[in-house]
């Protein structure tokens, strides 16, 4: 499993557990990159994967937010 898939799965688990709820903003790419010790590209890929799964929505100039189910 790739790093971005692991990160996406971790965030998905947080959403499923209710730690992150609909409308919550995900941490910035830079913050997540520094906190997890991965590149910004890895975080972008994880966020794009979550968006493809319908779990998050990108808002231009605002960031990524947990999607309503």
C-alpha atoms as a PDB file:
ATOM      1  CA  UNK A   1       0.000   0.000   0.000  1.00  0.00           C
ATOM      2  CA  UNK A   2       1.326   3.436  -0.885  1.00  0.00           C
ATOM      3  CA  UNK A   3       1.772   6.267   1.600  1.00  0.00           C
ATOM      4  CA  UNK A   4      -1.033   8.316   0.095  1.00  0.00           C
ATOM      5  CA  UNK A   5      -3.390   5.324   0.310  1.00  0.00           C
ATOM      6  CA  UNK A   6      -2.442   4.818   3.970  1.00  0.00           C
ATOM      7  CA  UNK A   7      -3.072   8.494   4.694  1.00  0.00           C
ATOM      8  CA  UNK A   8      -6.416   8.423   2.866  1.00  0.00           C
ATOM      9  CA  UNK A   9      -7.432   5.280   4.762  1.00  0.00           C
ATOM     10  CA  UNK A  10      -6.486   6.915   8.095  1.00  0.00           C
ATOM     11  CA  UNK A  11      -8.611   9.963   7.300  1.00  0.00           C
ATOM     12  CA  UNK A  12     -11.475   7.758   6.103  1.00  0.00           C
ATOM     13  CA  UNK A  13     -11.321   5.859   9.412  1.00  0.00           C
ATOM     14  CA  UNK A  14     -11.498   9.179  11.303  1.00  0.00           C
ATOM     15  CA  UNK A  15     -14.589  10.115   9.307  1.00  0.00           C
ATOM     16  CA  UNK A  16     -16.209   6.717   9.938  1.00  0.00           C
ATOM     17  CA  UNK A  17     -15.455   6.968  13.678  1.00  0.00           C
ATOM     18  CA  UNK A  18     -17.015  10.427  13.882  1.00  0.00           C
ATOM     19  CA  UNK A  19     -13.750  12.159  14.742  1.00  0.00           C
ATOM     20  CA  UNK A  20     -14.206  14.193  11.560  1.00  0.00           C
ATOM     21  CA  UNK A  21     -17.782  15.192  10.761  1.00  0.00           C
ATOM     22  CA  UNK A  22     -19.561  16.610   7.732  1.00  0.00           C
ATOM     23  CA  UNK A  23     -18.430  20.177   7.173  1.00  0.00           C
ATOM     24  CA  UNK A  24     -15.195  19.839   9.154  1.00  0.00           C
ATOM     25  CA  UNK A  25     -12.148  21.276   7.427  1.00  0.00           C
ATOM     26  CA  UNK A  26      -9.233  18.928   6.894  1.00  0.00           C
ATOM     27  CA  UNK A  27      -5.824  20.213   7.989  1.00  0.00           C
ATOM     28  CA  UNK A  28      -3.904  22.099   5.317  1.00  0.00           C
ATOM     29  CA  UNK A  29      -1.704  20.161   2.940  1.00  0.00           C
ATOM     30  CA  UNK A  30       1.387  21.811   4.432  1.00  0.00           C
ATOM     31  CA  UNK A  31       0.361  21.027   8.015  1.00  0.00           C
ATOM     32  CA  UNK A  32      -0.462  17.396   7.216  1.00  0.00           C
ATOM     33  CA  UNK A  33       2.766  17.035   5.253  1.00  0.00           C
ATOM     34  CA  UNK A  34       4.862  18.278   8.170  1.00  0.00           C
ATOM     35  CA  UNK A  35       2.916  16.339  10.805  1.00  0.00           C
ATOM     36  CA  UNK A  36       3.014  13.026   8.928  1.00  0.00           C
ATOM     37  CA  UNK A  37       6.531  13.409   7.529  1.00  0.00           C
ATOM     38  CA  UNK A  38       5.436  13.009   3.916  1.00  0.00           C
ATOM     39  CA  UNK A  39       5.645  15.252   0.872  1.00  0.00           C
ATOM     40  CA  UNK A  40       2.922  17.721  -0.047  1.00  0.00           C
ATOM     41  CA  UNK A  41       2.398  15.676  -3.210  1.00  0.00           C
ATOM     42  CA  UNK A  42       1.538  12.628  -1.086  1.00  0.00           C
ATOM     43  CA  UNK A  43      -1.036  14.633   0.865  1.00  0.00           C
ATOM     44  CA  UNK A  44      -2.560  16.017  -2.351  1.00  0.00           C
ATOM     45  CA  UNK A  45      -2.871  12.492  -3.727  1.00  0.00           C
ATOM     46  CA  UNK A  46      -4.554  11.316  -0.523  1.00  0.00           C
ATOM     47  CA  UNK A  47      -6.995  14.242  -0.571  1.00  0.00           C
ATOM     48  CA  UNK A  48      -7.759  13.640  -4.268  1.00  0.00           C
ATOM     49  CA  UNK A  49      -8.414   9.970  -3.497  1.00  0.00           C
ATOM     50  CA  UNK A  50     -10.792  10.923  -0.684  1.00  0.00           C
ATOM     51  CA  UNK A  51     -12.537  13.316  -3.057  1.00  0.00           C
ATOM     52  CA  UNK A  52     -12.906  10.520  -5.630  1.00  0.00           C
ATOM     53  CA  UNK A  53     -14.413   8.325  -2.895  1.00  0.00           C
ATOM     54  CA  UNK A  54     -16.951  11.078  -2.200  1.00  0.00           C
ATOM     55  CA  UNK A  55     -15.729  11.622   1.356  1.00  0.00           C
ATOM     56  CA  UNK A  56     -14.353  15.144   1.007  1.00  0.00           C
ATOM     57  CA  UNK A  57     -15.007  18.172  -1.165  1.00  0.00           C
ATOM     58  CA  UNK A  58     -12.468  20.733  -2.280  1.00  0.00           C
ATOM     59  CA  UNK A  59     -13.462  24.376  -2.004  1.00  0.00           C
ATOM     60  CA  UNK A  60     -11.364  26.691  -4.098  1.00  0.00           C
ATOM     61  CA  UNK A  61      -9.111  28.884  -1.952  1.00  0.00           C
ATOM     62  CA  UNK A  62     -10.630  27.394   1.210  1.00  0.00           C
ATOM     63  CA  UNK A  63      -9.297  23.852   1.471  1.00  0.00           C
ATOM     64  CA  UNK A  64     -10.792  20.404   1.821  1.00  0.00           C
ATOM     65  CA  UNK A  65     -13.922  19.660   3.837  1.00  0.00           C
ATOM     66  CA  UNK A  66     -15.641  16.451   4.918  1.00  0.00           C
ATOM     67  CA  UNK A  67     -18.600  15.868   2.611  1.00  0.00           C
ATOM     68  CA  UNK A  68     -22.143  15.403   3.869  1.00  0.00           C
ATOM     69  CA  UNK A  69     -23.367  11.853   3.482  1.00  0.00           C
END
